[in-house]
Amino acid sequence: MRADSLAREIFSDIANKWALLIVEAVGDGTLRFTELRREVEGISHKMLTQNLRLLERNGLVERTVHPTVPPRVEYTLTEPGRALRATVDAMCDWTHRHLAAIESARERFDAV
């Protein structure tokens, strides 16, 4: 039971509008907060902060603070984060493969 509950909690943290876009944006590299904000179009400072904290809490993103003035903060995917990114990439591929069918279904549904 605990594993199911934990899985639901983790899924809730990562399956939101922003978290998957952040994982995709970080990709194989390392990005600073401002770079991430530019990459994830439309995300607010607050939402980026909240989602990065959730991703870090779940061990998907590593946050590195460099002792400079002002502090430089960088984000990198961890091994589990890279595995999640592979899943996100597969979802994106699925979307591209089935986009025409999805659009047709939506048009039929909306016409009723």
PDB file of N, CA and C in Angstrom:
ATOM      1  N   MET A   1       0.809  -1.195   0.000  1.00  0.00           N
ATOM      2  CA  MET A   1       0.000   0.000   0.000  1.00  0.00           C
ATOM      3  C   MET A   1       0.855   1.264   0.000  1.00  0.00           C
ATOM      4  N   ARG A   2       1.918   1.264   0.782  1.00  0.00           N
ATOM      5  CA  ARG A   2       2.785   2.454   0.867  1.00  0.00           C
ATOM      6  C   ARG A   2       3.390   2.776  -0.490  1.00  0.00           C
ATOM      7  N   ALA A   3       3.800   1.738  -1.230  1.00  0.00           N
ATOM      8  CA  ALA A   3       4.400   1.965  -2.549  1.00  0.00           C
ATOM      9  C   ALA A   3       3.388   2.599  -3.496  1.00  0.00           C
ATOM     10  N   ASP A   4       2.136   2.136  -3.462  1.00  0.00           N
ATOM     11  CA  ASP A   4       1.100   2.720  -4.317  1.00  0.00           C
ATOM     12  C   ASP A   4       0.845   4.175  -3.952  1.00  0.00           C
ATOM     13  N   SER A   5       0.790   4.449  -2.674  1.00  0.00           N
ATOM     14  CA  SER A   5       0.561   5.811  -2.210  1.00  0.00           C
ATOM     15  C   SER A   5       1.706   6.727  -2.619  1.00  0.00           C
ATOM     16  N   LEU A   6       2.921   6.240  -2.451  1.00  0.00           N
ATOM     17  CA  LEU A   6       4.098   7.024  -2.833  1.00  0.00           C
ATOM     18  C   LEU A   6       4.132   7.248  -4.340  1.00  0.00           C
ATOM     19  N   ALA A   7       3.807   6.221  -5.104  1.00  0.00           N
ATOM     20  CA  ALA A   7       3.785   6.348  -6.569  1.00  0.00           C
ATOM     21  C   ALA A   7       2.779   7.413  -6.998  1.00  0.00           C
ATOM     22  N   ARG A   8       1.599   7.410  -6.378  1.00  0.00           N
ATOM     23  CA  ARG A   8       0.588   8.431  -6.709  1.00  0.00           C
ATOM     24  C   ARG A   8       1.085   9.829  -6.358  1.00  0.00           C
ATOM     25  N   GLU A   9       1.758   9.948  -5.224  1.00  0.00           N
ATOM     26  CA  GLU A   9       2.284  11.248  -4.798  1.00  0.00           C
ATOM     27  C   GLU A   9       3.353  11.751  -5.773  1.00  0.00           C
ATOM     28  N   ILE A  10       4.258  10.874  -6.162  1.00  0.00           N
ATOM     29  CA  ILE A  10       5.307  11.252  -7.111  1.00  0.00           C
ATOM     30  C   ILE A  10       4.695  11.620  -8.452  1.00  0.00           C
ATOM     31  N   PHE A  11       3.757  10.810  -8.905  1.00  0.00           N
ATOM     32  CA  PHE A  11       3.111  11.085 -10.188  1.00  0.00           C
ATOM     33  C   PHE A  11       2.414  12.443 -10.157  1.00  0.00           C
ATOM     34  N   SER A  12       1.773  12.739  -9.052  1.00  0.00           N
ATOM     35  CA  SER A  12       1.109  14.034  -8.899  1.00  0.00           C
ATOM     36  C   SER A  12       2.121  15.181  -8.994  1.00  0.00           C
ATOM     37  N   ASP A  13       3.303  14.983  -8.445  1.00  0.00           N
ATOM     38  CA  ASP A  13       4.345  16.018  -8.474  1.00  0.00           C
ATOM     39  C   ASP A  13       4.891  16.256  -9.877  1.00  0.00           C
ATOM     40  N   ILE A  14       5.019  15.183 -10.666  1.00  0.00           N
ATOM     41  CA  ILE A  14       5.700  15.332 -11.961  1.00  0.00           C
ATOM     42  C   ILE A  14       4.759  15.436 -13.150  1.00  0.00           C
ATOM     43  N   ALA A  15       3.513  15.021 -12.987  1.00  0.00           N
ATOM     44  CA  ALA A  15       2.585  15.026 -14.122  1.00  0.00           C
ATOM     45  C   ALA A  15       1.732  16.284 -14.107  1.00  0.00           C
ATOM     46  N   ASN A  16       2.371  17.410 -14.094  1.00  0.00           N
ATOM     47  CA  ASN A  16       1.634  18.668 -14.162  1.00  0.00           C
ATOM     48  C   ASN A  16       2.087  19.442 -15.387  1.00  0.00           C
ATOM     49  N   LYS A  17       1.446  20.534 -15.605  1.00  0.00           N
ATOM     50  CA  LYS A  17       1.694  21.333 -16.805  1.00  0.00           C
ATOM     51  C   LYS A  17       3.167  21.713 -16.972  1.00  0.00           C
ATOM     52  N   TRP A  18       3.853  21.995 -15.878  1.00  0.00           N
ATOM     53  CA  TRP A  18       5.194  22.561 -15.978  1.00  0.00           C
ATOM     54  C   TRP A  18       6.332  21.571 -15.770  1.00  0.00           C
ATOM     55  N   ALA A  19       6.172  20.616 -14.885  1.00  0.00           N
ATOM     56  CA  ALA A  19       7.289  19.748 -14.503  1.00  0.00           C
ATOM     57  C   ALA A  19       7.887  19.006 -15.703  1.00  0.00           C
ATOM     58  N   LEU A  20       7.035  18.454 -16.552  1.00  0.00           N
ATOM     59  CA  LEU A  20       7.550  17.711 -17.706  1.00  0.00           C
ATOM     60  C   LEU A  20       8.247  18.637 -18.702  1.00  0.00           C
ATOM     61  N   LEU A  21       7.738  19.867 -18.833  1.00  0.00           N
ATOM     62  CA  LEU A  21       8.402  20.838 -19.711  1.00  0.00           C
ATOM     63  C   LEU A  21       9.775  21.227 -19.157  1.00  0.00           C
ATOM     64  N   ILE A  22       9.878  21.320 -17.841  1.00  0.00           N
ATOM     65  CA  ILE A  22      11.163  21.637 -17.210  1.00  0.00           C
ATOM     66  C   ILE A  22      12.150  20.505 -17.434  1.00  0.00           C
ATOM     67  N   VAL A  23      11.695  19.263 -17.226  1.00  0.00           N
ATOM     68  CA  VAL A  23      12.563  18.101 -17.448  1.00  0.00           C
ATOM     69  C   VAL A  23      13.052  18.082 -18.887  1.00  0.00           C
ATOM     70  N   GLU A  24      12.168  18.344 -19.815  1.00  0.00           N
ATOM     71  CA  GLU A  24      12.545  18.368 -21.227  1.00  0.00           C
ATOM     72  C   GLU A  24      13.532  19.503 -21.499  1.00  0.00           C
ATOM     73  N   ALA A  25      13.315  20.663 -20.901  1.00  0.00           N
ATOM     74  CA  ALA A  25      14.183  21.826 -21.133  1.00  0.00           C
ATOM     75  C   ALA A  25      15.594  21.595 -20.603  1.00  0.00           C
ATOM     76  N   VAL A  26      15.709  21.018 -19.409  1.00  0.00           N
ATOM     77  CA  VAL A  26      17.042  20.766 -18.848  1.00  0.00           C
ATOM     78  C   VAL A  26      17.785  19.772 -19.729  1.00  0.00           C
ATOM     79  N   GLY A  27      17.082  18.737 -20.152  1.00  0.00           N
ATOM     80  CA  GLY A  27      17.664  17.768 -21.077  1.00  0.00           C
ATOM     81  C   GLY A  27      18.942  17.158 -20.563  1.00  0.00           C
ATOM     82  N   ASP A  28      19.933  17.070 -21.432  1.00  0.00           N
ATOM     83  CA  ASP A  28      21.218  16.463 -21.087  1.00  0.00           C
ATOM     84  C   ASP A  28      22.206  17.473 -20.531  1.00  0.00           C
ATOM     85  N   GLY A  29      21.792  18.713 -20.422  1.00  0.00           N
ATOM     86  CA  GLY A  29      22.730  19.750 -20.016  1.00  0.00           C
ATOM     87  C   GLY A  29      22.516  20.249 -18.601  1.00  0.00           C
ATOM     88  N   THR A  30      23.055  21.405 -18.367  1.00  0.00           N
ATOM     89  CA  THR A  30      22.928  22.111 -17.095  1.00  0.00           C
ATOM     90  C   THR A  30      22.476  23.521 -17.429  1.00  0.00           C
ATOM     91  N   LEU A  31      21.406  23.965 -16.766  1.00  0.00           N
ATOM     92  CA  LEU A  31      20.879  25.294 -17.043  1.00  0.00           C
ATOM     93  C   LEU A  31      20.734  26.092 -15.755  1.00  0.00           C
ATOM     94  N   ARG A  32      20.951  27.390 -15.890  1.00  0.00           N
ATOM     95  CA  ARG A  32      20.700  28.302 -14.786  1.00  0.00           C
ATOM     96  C   ARG A  32      19.210  28.614 -14.746  1.00  0.00           C
ATOM     97  N   PHE A  33      18.761  29.152 -13.613  1.00  0.00           N
ATOM     98  CA  PHE A  33      17.350  29.455 -13.420  1.00  0.00           C
ATOM     99  C   PHE A  33      16.817  30.338 -14.551  1.00  0.00           C
ATOM    100  N   THR A  34      17.539  31.401 -14.866  1.00  0.00           N
ATOM    101  CA  THR A  34      17.055  32.335 -15.900  1.00  0.00           C
ATOM    102  C   THR A  34      17.017  31.670 -17.265  1.00  0.00           C
ATOM    103  N   GLU A  35      17.959  30.777 -17.542  1.00  0.00           N
ATOM    104  CA  GLU A  35      17.944  30.051 -18.816  1.00  0.00           C
ATOM    105  C   GLU A  35      16.726  29.131 -18.886  1.00  0.00           C
ATOM    106  N   LEU A  36      16.433  28.478 -17.773  1.00  0.00           N
ATOM    107  CA  LEU A  36      15.256  27.611 -17.722  1.00  0.00           C
ATOM    108  C   LEU A  36      13.980  28.415 -17.942  1.00  0.00           C
ATOM    109  N   ARG A  37      13.917  29.561 -17.327  1.00  0.00           N
ATOM    110  CA  ARG A  37      12.717  30.408 -17.460  1.00  0.00           C
ATOM    111  C   ARG A  37      12.511  30.824 -18.915  1.00  0.00           C
ATOM    112  N   ARG A  38      13.604  31.087 -19.619  1.00  0.00           N
ATOM    113  CA  ARG A  38      13.498  31.423 -21.049  1.00  0.00           C
ATOM    114  C   ARG A  38      13.072  30.212 -21.877  1.00  0.00           C
ATOM    115  N   GLU A  39      13.561  29.040 -21.515  1.00  0.00           N
ATOM    116  CA  GLU A  39      13.265  27.815 -22.268  1.00  0.00           C
ATOM    117  C   GLU A  39      11.816  27.359 -22.101  1.00  0.00           C
ATOM    118  N   VAL A  40      11.260  27.533 -20.915  1.00  0.00           N
ATOM    119  CA  VAL A  40       9.897  27.071 -20.632  1.00  0.00           C
ATOM    120  C   VAL A  40       8.964  28.270 -20.810  1.00  0.00           C
ATOM    121  N   GLU A  41       8.478  28.416 -22.003  1.00  0.00           N
ATOM    122  CA  GLU A  41       7.687  29.580 -22.373  1.00  0.00           C
ATOM    123  C   GLU A  41       6.419  29.693 -21.528  1.00  0.00           C
ATOM    124  N   GLY A  42       6.213  30.878 -20.963  1.00  0.00           N
ATOM    125  CA  GLY A  42       4.989  31.163 -20.234  1.00  0.00           C
ATOM    126  C   GLY A  42       5.017  30.854 -18.750  1.00  0.00           C
ATOM    127  N   ILE A  43       6.087  30.250 -18.258  1.00  0.00           N
ATOM    128  CA  ILE A  43       6.143  29.906 -16.841  1.00  0.00           C
ATOM    129  C   ILE A  43       6.531  31.130 -16.017  1.00  0.00           C
ATOM    130  N   SER A  44       5.874  31.287 -14.887  1.00  0.00           N
ATOM    131  CA  SER A  44       6.213  32.409 -14.012  1.00  0.00           C
ATOM    132  C   SER A  44       7.387  32.028 -13.113  1.00  0.00           C
ATOM    133  N   HIS A  45       7.987  33.021 -12.530  1.00  0.00           N
ATOM    134  CA  HIS A  45       9.095  32.808 -11.597  1.00  0.00           C
ATOM    135  C   HIS A  45       8.646  31.889 -10.464  1.00  0.00           C
ATOM    136  N   LYS A  46       7.471  32.155  -9.924  1.00  0.00           N
ATOM    137  CA  LYS A  46       6.933  31.381  -8.805  1.00  0.00           C
ATOM    138  C   LYS A  46       6.711  29.917  -9.191  1.00  0.00           C
ATOM    139  N   MET A  47       6.101  29.677 -10.346  1.00  0.00           N
ATOM    140  CA  MET A  47       5.817  28.299 -10.766  1.00  0.00           C
ATOM    141  C   MET A  47       7.096  27.536 -11.084  1.00  0.00           C
ATOM    142  N   LEU A  48       8.079  28.216 -11.668  1.00  0.00           N
ATOM    143  CA  LEU A  48       9.354  27.558 -11.946  1.00  0.00           C
ATOM    144  C   LEU A  48      10.021  27.166 -10.636  1.00  0.00           C
ATOM    145  N   THR A  49      10.023  28.068  -9.673  1.00  0.00           N
ATOM    146  CA  THR A  49      10.615  27.783  -8.365  1.00  0.00           C
ATOM    147  C   THR A  49       9.915  26.598  -7.704  1.00  0.00           C
ATOM    148  N   GLN A  50       8.595  26.613  -7.667  1.00  0.00           N
ATOM    149  CA  GLN A  50       7.840  25.535  -7.026  1.00  0.00           C
ATOM    150  C   GLN A  50       8.109  24.190  -7.687  1.00  0.00           C
ATOM    151  N   ASN A  51       8.112  24.168  -9.009  1.00  0.00           N
ATOM    152  CA  ASN A  51       8.308  22.911  -9.713  1.00  0.00           C
ATOM    153  C   ASN A  51       9.737  22.400  -9.599  1.00  0.00           C
ATOM    154  N   LEU A  52      10.706  23.309  -9.620  1.00  0.00           N
ATOM    155  CA  LEU A  52      12.093  22.876  -9.425  1.00  0.00           C
ATOM    156  C   LEU A  52      12.276  22.268  -8.034  1.00  0.00           C
ATOM    157  N   ARG A  53      11.636  22.852  -7.041  1.00  0.00           N
ATOM    158  CA  ARG A  53      11.718  22.303  -5.677  1.00  0.00           C
ATOM    159  C   ARG A  53      11.099  20.911  -5.614  1.00  0.00           C
ATOM    160  N   LEU A  54       9.945  20.721  -6.258  1.00  0.00           N
ATOM    161  CA  LEU A  54       9.316  19.390  -6.290  1.00  0.00           C
ATOM    162  C   LEU A  54      10.214  18.377  -7.000  1.00  0.00           C
ATOM    163  N   LEU A  55      10.782  18.795  -8.124  1.00  0.00           N
ATOM    164  CA  LEU A  55      11.662  17.887  -8.869  1.00  0.00           C
ATOM    165  C   LEU A  55      12.912  17.551  -8.066  1.00  0.00           C
ATOM    166  N   GLU A  56      13.442  18.541  -7.365  1.00  0.00           N
ATOM    167  CA  GLU A  56      14.612  18.296  -6.517  1.00  0.00           C
ATOM    168  C   GLU A  56      14.237  17.385  -5.344  1.00  0.00           C
ATOM    169  N   ARG A  57      13.108  17.631  -4.730  1.00  0.00           N
ATOM    170  CA  ARG A  57      12.647  16.811  -3.594  1.00  0.00           C
ATOM    171  C   ARG A  57      12.513  15.346  -3.991  1.00  0.00           C
ATOM    172  N   ASN A  58      12.053  15.108  -5.221  1.00  0.00           N
ATOM    173  CA  ASN A  58      11.856  13.744  -5.702  1.00  0.00           C
ATOM    174  C   ASN A  58      13.113  13.147  -6.328  1.00  0.00           C
ATOM    175  N   GLY A  59      14.228  13.873  -6.250  1.00  0.00           N
ATOM    176  CA  GLY A  59      15.494  13.338  -6.737  1.00  0.00           C
ATOM    177  C   GLY A  59      15.645  13.317  -8.239  1.00  0.00           C
ATOM    178  N   LEU A  60      14.896  14.173  -8.938  1.00  0.00           N
ATOM    179  CA  LEU A  60      14.949  14.190 -10.401  1.00  0.00           C
ATOM    180  C   LEU A  60      15.851  15.296 -10.938  1.00  0.00           C
ATOM    181  N   VAL A  61      16.036  16.331 -10.132  1.00  0.00           N
ATOM    182  CA  VAL A  61      16.880  17.463 -10.510  1.00  0.00           C
ATOM    183  C   VAL A  61      17.878  17.705  -9.389  1.00  0.00           C
ATOM    184  N   GLU A  62      19.096  18.000  -9.786  1.00  0.00           N
ATOM    185  CA  GLU A  62      20.131  18.373  -8.817  1.00  0.00           C
ATOM    186  C   GLU A  62      20.365  19.869  -8.925  1.00  0.00           C
ATOM    187  N   ARG A  63      20.342  20.539  -7.794  1.00  0.00           N
ATOM    188  CA  ARG A  63      20.544  21.989  -7.732  1.00  0.00           C
ATOM    189  C   ARG A  63      21.935  22.246  -7.185  1.00  0.00           C
ATOM    190  N   THR A  64      22.718  23.033  -7.915  1.00  0.00           N
ATOM    191  CA  THR A  64      24.067  23.371  -7.484  1.00  0.00           C
ATOM    192  C   THR A  64      24.160  24.883  -7.331  1.00  0.00           C
ATOM    193  N   VAL A  65      24.563  25.314  -6.140  1.00  0.00           N
ATOM    194  CA  VAL A  65      24.737  26.740  -5.866  1.00  0.00           C
ATOM    195  C   VAL A  65      26.232  27.032  -5.848  1.00  0.00           C
ATOM    196  N   HIS A  66      26.654  27.941  -6.709  1.00  0.00           N
ATOM    197  CA  HIS A  66      28.054  28.356  -6.760  1.00  0.00           C
ATOM    198  C   HIS A  66      28.226  29.615  -5.906  1.00  0.00           C
ATOM    199  N   PRO A  67      29.237  29.625  -5.049  1.00  0.00           N
ATOM    200  CA  PRO A  67      29.424  30.751  -4.112  1.00  0.00           C
ATOM    201  C   PRO A  67      30.023  31.985  -4.797  1.00  0.00           C
ATOM    202  N   THR A  68      29.199  32.614  -5.600  1.00  0.00           N
ATOM    203  CA  THR A  68      29.615  33.845  -6.272  1.00  0.00           C
ATOM    204  C   THR A  68      28.655  34.954  -5.845  1.00  0.00           C
ATOM    205  N   VAL A  69      28.966  36.162  -6.229  1.00  0.00           N
ATOM    206  CA  VAL A  69      28.077  37.286  -5.949  1.00  0.00           C
ATOM    207  C   VAL A  69      27.654  37.875  -7.282  1.00  0.00           C
ATOM    208  N   PRO A  70      26.386  37.819  -7.634  1.00  0.00           N
ATOM    209  CA  PRO A  70      25.319  37.106  -6.930  1.00  0.00           C
ATOM    210  C   PRO A  70      25.500  35.592  -7.097  1.00  0.00           C
ATOM    211  N   PRO A  71      24.831  34.796  -6.242  1.00  0.00           N
ATOM    212  CA  PRO A  71      24.980  33.346  -6.345  1.00  0.00           C
ATOM    213  C   PRO A  71      24.523  32.833  -7.709  1.00  0.00           C
ATOM    214  N   ARG A  72      25.256  31.873  -8.217  1.00  0.00           N
ATOM    215  CA  ARG A  72      24.897  31.245  -9.493  1.00  0.00           C
ATOM    216  C   ARG A  72      24.328  29.874  -9.160  1.00  0.00           C
ATOM    217  N   VAL A  73      23.089  29.625  -9.591  1.00  0.00           N
ATOM    218  CA  VAL A  73      22.405  28.365  -9.311  1.00  0.00           C
ATOM    219  C   VAL A  73      22.170  27.645 -10.631  1.00  0.00           C
ATOM    220  N   GLU A  74      22.551  26.370 -10.653  1.00  0.00           N
ATOM    221  CA  GLU A  74      22.400  25.564 -11.856  1.00  0.00           C
ATOM    222  C   GLU A  74      21.591  24.305 -11.557  1.00  0.00           C
ATOM    223  N   TYR A  75      20.905  23.827 -12.568  1.00  0.00           N
ATOM    224  CA  TYR A  75      20.063  22.639 -12.436  1.00  0.00           C
ATOM    225  C   TYR A  75      20.465  21.608 -13.490  1.00  0.00           C
ATOM    226  N   THR A  76      20.566  20.363 -13.044  1.00  0.00           N
ATOM    227  CA  THR A  76      20.938  19.239 -13.896  1.00  0.00           C
ATOM    228  C   THR A  76      20.027  18.070 -13.555  1.00  0.00           C
ATOM    229  N   LEU A  77      19.666  17.277 -14.549  1.00  0.00           N
ATOM    230  CA  LEU A  77      18.883  16.081 -14.268  1.00  0.00           C
ATOM    231  C   LEU A  77      19.762  15.018 -13.617  1.00  0.00           C
ATOM    232  N   THR A  78      19.200  14.317 -12.660  1.00  0.00           N
ATOM    233  CA  THR A  78      19.864  13.175 -12.045  1.00  0.00           C
ATOM    234  C   THR A  78      19.605  11.954 -12.932  1.00  0.00           C
ATOM    235  N   GLU A  79      20.130  10.809 -12.545  1.00  0.00           N
ATOM    236  CA  GLU A  79      19.874   9.584 -13.319  1.00  0.00           C
ATOM    237  C   GLU A  79      18.376   9.285 -13.417  1.00  0.00           C
ATOM    238  N   PRO A  80      17.627   9.326 -12.292  1.00  0.00           N
ATOM    239  CA  PRO A  80      16.175   9.127 -12.426  1.00  0.00           C
ATOM    240  C   PRO A  80      15.516  10.211 -13.291  1.00  0.00           C
ATOM    241  N   GLY A  81      16.025  11.430 -13.222  1.00  0.00           N
ATOM    242  CA  GLY A  81      15.498  12.508 -14.052  1.00  0.00           C
ATOM    243  C   GLY A  81      15.738  12.254 -15.532  1.00  0.00           C
ATOM    244  N   ARG A  82      16.909  11.721 -15.870  1.00  0.00           N
ATOM    245  CA  ARG A  82      17.202  11.384 -17.269  1.00  0.00           C
ATOM    246  C   ARG A  82      16.311  10.242 -17.746  1.00  0.00           C
ATOM    247  N   ALA A  83      16.029   9.296 -16.861  1.00  0.00           N
ATOM    248  CA  ALA A  83      15.115   8.204 -17.219  1.00  0.00           C
ATOM    249  C   ALA A  83      13.708   8.750 -17.460  1.00  0.00           C
ATOM    250  N   LEU A  84      13.274   9.706 -16.630  1.00  0.00           N
ATOM    251  CA  LEU A  84      11.979  10.342 -16.849  1.00  0.00           C
ATOM    252  C   LEU A  84      11.977  11.090 -18.168  1.00  0.00           C
ATOM    253  N   ARG A  85      13.067  11.736 -18.484  1.00  0.00           N
ATOM    254  CA  ARG A  85      13.154  12.471 -19.752  1.00  0.00           C
ATOM    255  C   ARG A  85      12.981  11.530 -20.933  1.00  0.00           C
ATOM    256  N   ALA A  86      13.524  10.326 -20.848  1.00  0.00           N
ATOM    257  CA  ALA A  86      13.344   9.345 -21.923  1.00  0.00           C
ATOM    258  C   ALA A  86      11.857   9.030 -22.093  1.00  0.00           C
ATOM    259  N   THR A  87      11.137   8.948 -20.985  1.00  0.00           N
ATOM    260  CA  THR A  87       9.692   8.714 -21.039  1.00  0.00           C
ATOM    261  C   THR A  87       8.983   9.910 -21.655  1.00  0.00           C
ATOM    262  N   VAL A  88       9.391  11.114 -21.272  1.00  0.00           N
ATOM    263  CA  VAL A  88       8.804  12.331 -21.842  1.00  0.00           C
ATOM    264  C   VAL A  88       9.068  12.374 -23.341  1.00  0.00           C
ATOM    265  N   ASP A  89      10.274  12.030 -23.763  1.00  0.00           N
ATOM    266  CA  ASP A  89      10.600  11.999 -25.187  1.00  0.00           C
ATOM    267  C   ASP A  89       9.699  11.010 -25.930  1.00  0.00           C
ATOM    268  N   ALA A  90       9.457   9.847 -25.318  1.00  0.00           N
ATOM    269  CA  ALA A  90       8.578   8.850 -25.930  1.00  0.00           C
ATOM    270  C   ALA A  90       7.154   9.395 -26.051  1.00  0.00           C
ATOM    271  N   MET A  91       6.695  10.138 -25.044  1.00  0.00           N
ATOM    272  CA  MET A  91       5.367  10.747 -25.104  1.00  0.00           C
ATOM    273  C   MET A  91       5.302  11.787 -26.227  1.00  0.00           C
ATOM    274  N   CYS A  92       6.356  12.559 -26.378  1.00  0.00           N
ATOM    275  CA  CYS A  92       6.405  13.555 -27.455  1.00  0.00           C
ATOM    276  C   CYS A  92       6.389  12.862 -28.818  1.00  0.00           C
ATOM    277  N   ASP A  93       7.152  11.783 -28.954  1.00  0.00           N
ATOM    278  CA  ASP A  93       7.156  11.015 -30.204  1.00  0.00           C
ATOM    279  C   ASP A  93       5.763  10.475 -30.507  1.00  0.00           C
ATOM    280  N   TRP A  94       5.089   9.950 -29.478  1.00  0.00           N
ATOM    281  CA  TRP A  94       3.733   9.444 -29.637  1.00  0.00           C
ATOM    282  C   TRP A  94       2.808  10.553 -30.144  1.00  0.00           C
ATOM    283  N   THR A  95       2.932  11.737 -29.557  1.00  0.00           N
ATOM    284  CA  THR A  95       2.104  12.865 -29.967  1.00  0.00           C
ATOM    285  C   THR A  95       2.321  13.207 -31.434  1.00  0.00           C
ATOM    286  N   HIS A  96       3.589  13.248 -31.856  1.00  0.00           N
ATOM    287  CA  HIS A  96       3.896  13.568 -33.254  1.00  0.00           C
ATOM    288  C   HIS A  96       3.345  12.502 -34.201  1.00  0.00           C
ATOM    289  N   ARG A  97       3.455  11.226 -33.806  1.00  0.00           N
ATOM    290  CA  ARG A  97       2.966  10.135 -34.663  1.00  0.00           C
ATOM    291  C   ARG A  97       1.449  10.170 -34.808  1.00  0.00           C
ATOM    292  N   HIS A  98       0.739  10.584 -33.766  1.00  0.00           N
ATOM    293  CA  HIS A  98      -0.718  10.500 -33.765  1.00  0.00           C
ATOM    294  C   HIS A  98      -1.415  11.854 -33.834  1.00  0.00           C
ATOM    295  N   LEU A  99      -0.669  12.895 -34.119  1.00  0.00           N
ATOM    296  CA  LEU A  99      -1.227  14.243 -34.113  1.00  0.00           C
ATOM    297  C   LEU A  99      -2.396  14.401 -35.080  1.00  0.00           C
ATOM    298  N   ALA A 100      -2.269  13.901 -36.292  1.00  0.00           N
ATOM    299  CA  ALA A 100      -3.345  14.049 -37.278  1.00  0.00           C
ATOM    300  C   ALA A 100      -4.617  13.348 -36.807  1.00  0.00           C
ATOM    301  N   ALA A 101      -4.489  12.154 -36.257  1.00  0.00           N
ATOM    302  CA  ALA A 101      -5.662  11.414 -35.770  1.00  0.00           C
ATOM    303  C   ALA A 101      -6.297  12.133 -34.584  1.00  0.00           C
ATOM    304  N   ILE A 102      -5.481  12.678 -33.701  1.00  0.00           N
ATOM    305  CA  ILE A 102      -6.002  13.405 -32.540  1.00  0.00           C
ATOM    306  C   ILE A 102      -6.743  14.662 -32.985  1.00  0.00           C
ATOM    307  N   GLU A 103      -6.138  15.399 -33.916  1.00  0.00           N
ATOM    308  CA  GLU A 103      -6.794  16.614 -34.416  1.00  0.00           C
ATOM    309  C   GLU A 103      -8.112  16.285 -35.093  1.00  0.00           C
ATOM    310  N   SER A 104      -8.158  15.205 -35.887  1.00  0.00           N
ATOM    311  CA  SER A 104      -9.408  14.794 -36.548  1.00  0.00           C
ATOM    312  C   SER A 104     -10.471  14.419 -35.532  1.00  0.00           C
ATOM    313  N   ALA A 105     -10.073  13.672 -34.504  1.00  0.00           N
ATOM    314  CA  ALA A 105     -11.027  13.281 -33.459  1.00  0.00           C
ATOM    315  C   ALA A 105     -11.580  14.504 -32.738  1.00  0.00           C
ATOM    316  N   ARG A 106     -10.730  15.467 -32.464  1.00  0.00           N
ATOM    317  CA  ARG A 106     -11.194  16.691 -31.802  1.00  0.00           C
ATOM    318  C   ARG A 106     -12.184  17.466 -32.665  1.00  0.00           C
ATOM    319  N   GLU A 107     -11.870  17.555 -33.954  1.00  0.00           N
ATOM    320  CA  GLU A 107     -12.776  18.267 -34.871  1.00  0.00           C
ATOM    321  C   GLU A 107     -14.143  17.581 -34.932  1.00  0.00           C
ATOM    322  N   ARG A 108     -14.156  16.226 -35.008  1.00  0.00           N
ATOM    323  CA  ARG A 108     -15.416  15.496 -35.020  1.00  0.00           C
ATOM    324  C   ARG A 108     -16.184  15.710 -33.720  1.00  0.00           C
ATOM    325  N   PHE A 109     -15.483  15.637 -32.607  1.00  0.00           N
ATOM    326  CA  PHE A 109     -16.121  15.795 -31.293  1.00  0.00           C
ATOM    327  C   PHE A 109     -16.707  17.200 -31.149  1.00  0.00           C
ATOM    328  N   ASP A 110     -15.923  18.209 -31.519  1.00  0.00           N
ATOM    329  CA  ASP A 110     -16.355  19.597 -31.357  1.00  0.00           C
ATOM    330  C   ASP A 110     -17.501  19.959 -32.303  1.00  0.00           C
ATOM    331  N   ALA A 111     -17.646  19.229 -33.414  1.00  0.00           N
ATOM    332  CA  ALA A 111     -18.702  19.513 -34.384  1.00  0.00           C
ATOM    333  C   ALA A 111     -20.060  19.030 -33.894  1.00  0.00           C
ATOM    334  N   VAL A 112     -20.062  18.151 -32.928  1.00  0.00           N
ATOM    335  CA  VAL A 112     -21.340  17.588 -32.435  1.00  0.00           C
ATOM    336  C   VAL A 112     -22.034  18.512 -31.489  1.00  0.00           C
TER     337      VAL A 112
END
